[in-house]
Amino acid sequence: MKQDEISTTAKPKSLSVLATFKQGISLLFALQNKSGRKQLMDSAETNPLPILFAGLSAMAIFFLICFITSQLAIKLIN
């Protein structure tokens, strides 16, 4: 067997909740490498719900941080 046949026939390892959330944060800031993106997409093909949850929660955290810092900046200016 060739190396390509071995890697395509092997069942992809599912990501843990923390690893999925980390991948969602990496995607949000476009800091993800090729192997991480491939692993995430392989996992999303079998069960997309954890990926969607990680993406939505990462986005919510990002917007919450933006909102809090903007409110602090407004209070400091006044």
C-alpha atoms as a PDB file:
ATOM      1  CA  MET A   1       0.000   0.000   0.000  1.00  0.00           C
ATOM      2  CA  LYS A   2       1.122   3.502  -0.705  1.00  0.00           C
ATOM      3  CA  GLN A   3       1.237   6.189   1.968  1.00  0.00           C
ATOM      4  CA  ASP A   4      -1.672   8.087   0.336  1.00  0.00           C
ATOM      5  CA  GLU A   5      -3.887   5.000   0.416  1.00  0.00           C
ATOM      6  CA  ILE A   6      -3.144   4.439   4.086  1.00  0.00           C
ATOM      7  CA  SER A   7      -3.995   8.015   5.062  1.00  0.00           C
ATOM      8  CA  THR A   8      -7.256   8.095   3.077  1.00  0.00           C
ATOM      9  CA  THR A   9      -8.529   4.732   4.304  1.00  0.00           C
ATOM     10  CA  ALA A  10      -7.884   5.449   7.985  1.00  0.00           C
ATOM     11  CA  LYS A  11     -10.826   6.763   9.968  1.00  0.00           C
ATOM     12  CA  PRO A  12     -10.186  10.383  11.023  1.00  0.00           C
ATOM     13  CA  LYS A  13      -9.682  10.874  14.734  1.00  0.00           C
ATOM     14  CA  SER A  14     -12.457  12.969  16.261  1.00  0.00           C
ATOM     15  CA  LEU A  15     -11.492  16.185  18.003  1.00  0.00           C
ATOM     16  CA  SER A  16     -12.140  16.832  21.676  1.00  0.00           C
ATOM     17  CA  VAL A  17     -14.333  19.726  22.761  1.00  0.00           C
ATOM     18  CA  LEU A  18     -11.327  21.823  23.736  1.00  0.00           C
ATOM     19  CA  ALA A  19      -9.513  21.031  20.482  1.00  0.00           C
ATOM     20  CA  THR A  20     -12.637  21.903  18.487  1.00  0.00           C
ATOM     21  CA  PHE A  21     -12.981  25.219  20.324  1.00  0.00           C
ATOM     22  CA  LYS A  22      -9.286  25.937  19.726  1.00  0.00           C
ATOM     23  CA  GLN A  23      -9.773  25.258  16.014  1.00  0.00           C
ATOM     24  CA  GLY A  24     -12.773  27.604  15.975  1.00  0.00           C
ATOM     25  CA  ILE A  25     -10.714  30.396  17.551  1.00  0.00           C
ATOM     26  CA  SER A  26      -7.897  29.737  15.077  1.00  0.00           C
ATOM     27  CA  LEU A  27     -10.314  29.960  12.169  1.00  0.00           C
ATOM     28  CA  LEU A  28     -11.776  33.181  13.535  1.00  0.00           C
ATOM     29  CA  PHE A  29      -8.401  34.896  13.486  1.00  0.00           C
ATOM     30  CA  ALA A  30      -7.142  33.030  10.364  1.00  0.00           C
ATOM     31  CA  LEU A  31      -4.218  31.537  12.299  1.00  0.00           C
ATOM     32  CA  GLN A  32      -4.779  27.926  11.351  1.00  0.00           C
ATOM     33  CA  ASN A  33      -2.232  25.746   9.614  1.00  0.00           C
ATOM     34  CA  LYS A  34      -3.006  23.346   6.776  1.00  0.00           C
ATOM     35  CA  SER A  35      -2.972  20.167   8.866  1.00  0.00           C
ATOM     36  CA  GLY A  36      -5.285  21.653  11.511  1.00  0.00           C
ATOM     37  CA  ARG A  37      -7.721  22.840   8.852  1.00  0.00           C
ATOM     38  CA  LYS A  38      -7.730  19.397   7.206  1.00  0.00           C
ATOM     39  CA  GLN A  39      -8.356  17.675  10.533  1.00  0.00           C
ATOM     40  CA  LEU A  40     -11.210  20.091  11.293  1.00  0.00           C
ATOM     41  CA  MET A  41     -12.815  19.577   7.883  1.00  0.00           C
ATOM     42  CA  ASP A  42     -12.522  15.792   8.196  1.00  0.00           C
ATOM     43  CA  SER A  43     -14.236  15.994  11.568  1.00  0.00           C
ATOM     44  CA  ALA A  44     -16.921  18.323  10.190  1.00  0.00           C
ATOM     45  CA  GLU A  45     -17.820  15.822   7.468  1.00  0.00           C
ATOM     46  CA  THR A  46     -18.826  13.227  10.036  1.00  0.00           C
ATOM     47  CA  ASN A  47     -20.474  15.484  12.640  1.00  0.00           C
ATOM     48  CA  PRO A  48     -20.723  19.244  11.982  1.00  0.00           C
ATOM     49  CA  LEU A  49     -22.550  20.200  15.210  1.00  0.00           C
ATOM     50  CA  PRO A  50     -19.447  20.530  17.443  1.00  0.00           C
ATOM     51  CA  ILE A  51     -17.764  22.646  14.771  1.00  0.00           C
ATOM     52  CA  LEU A  52     -20.801  24.923  14.496  1.00  0.00           C
ATOM     53  CA  PHE A  53     -21.005  25.254  18.282  1.00  0.00           C
ATOM     54  CA  ALA A  54     -17.294  26.067  18.539  1.00  0.00           C
ATOM     55  CA  GLY A  55     -17.537  28.657  15.774  1.00  0.00           C
ATOM     56  CA  LEU A  56     -20.609  30.340  17.237  1.00  0.00           C
ATOM     57  CA  SER A  57     -19.186  30.415  20.761  1.00  0.00           C
ATOM     58  CA  ALA A  58     -15.836  31.758  19.506  1.00  0.00           C
ATOM     59  CA  MET A  59     -17.673  34.462  17.569  1.00  0.00           C
ATOM     60  CA  ALA A  60     -19.775  35.353  20.630  1.00  0.00           C
ATOM     61  CA  ILE A  61     -16.663  35.634  22.797  1.00  0.00           C
ATOM     62  CA  PHE A  62     -14.964  37.798  20.163  1.00  0.00           C
ATOM     63  CA  PHE A  63     -17.921  40.190  19.918  1.00  0.00           C
ATOM     64  CA  LEU A  64     -18.239  40.301  23.709  1.00  0.00           C
ATOM     65  CA  ILE A  65     -14.581  41.298  24.033  1.00  0.00           C
ATOM     66  CA  CYS A  66     -15.051  43.974  21.349  1.00  0.00           C
ATOM     67  CA  PHE A  67     -18.153  45.321  23.097  1.00  0.00           C
ATOM     68  CA  ILE A  68     -16.531  45.423  26.529  1.00  0.00           C
ATOM     69  CA  THR A  69     -13.384  47.151  25.278  1.00  0.00           C
ATOM     70  CA  SER A  70     -15.396  49.715  23.318  1.00  0.00           C
ATOM     71  CA  GLN A  71     -17.504  50.484  26.389  1.00  0.00           C
ATOM     72  CA  LEU A  72     -14.369  50.891  28.495  1.00  0.00           C
ATOM     73  CA  ALA A  73     -12.863  53.214  25.886  1.00  0.00           C
ATOM     74  CA  ILE A  74     -16.038  55.319  25.820  1.00  0.00           C
ATOM     75  CA  LYS A  75     -16.045  55.609  29.631  1.00  0.00           C
ATOM     76  CA  LEU A  76     -12.377  56.584  29.680  1.00  0.00           C
ATOM     77  CA  ILE A  77     -12.918  59.299  27.043  1.00  0.00           C
ATOM     78  CA  ASN A  78     -15.842  60.888  28.912  1.00  0.00           C
END
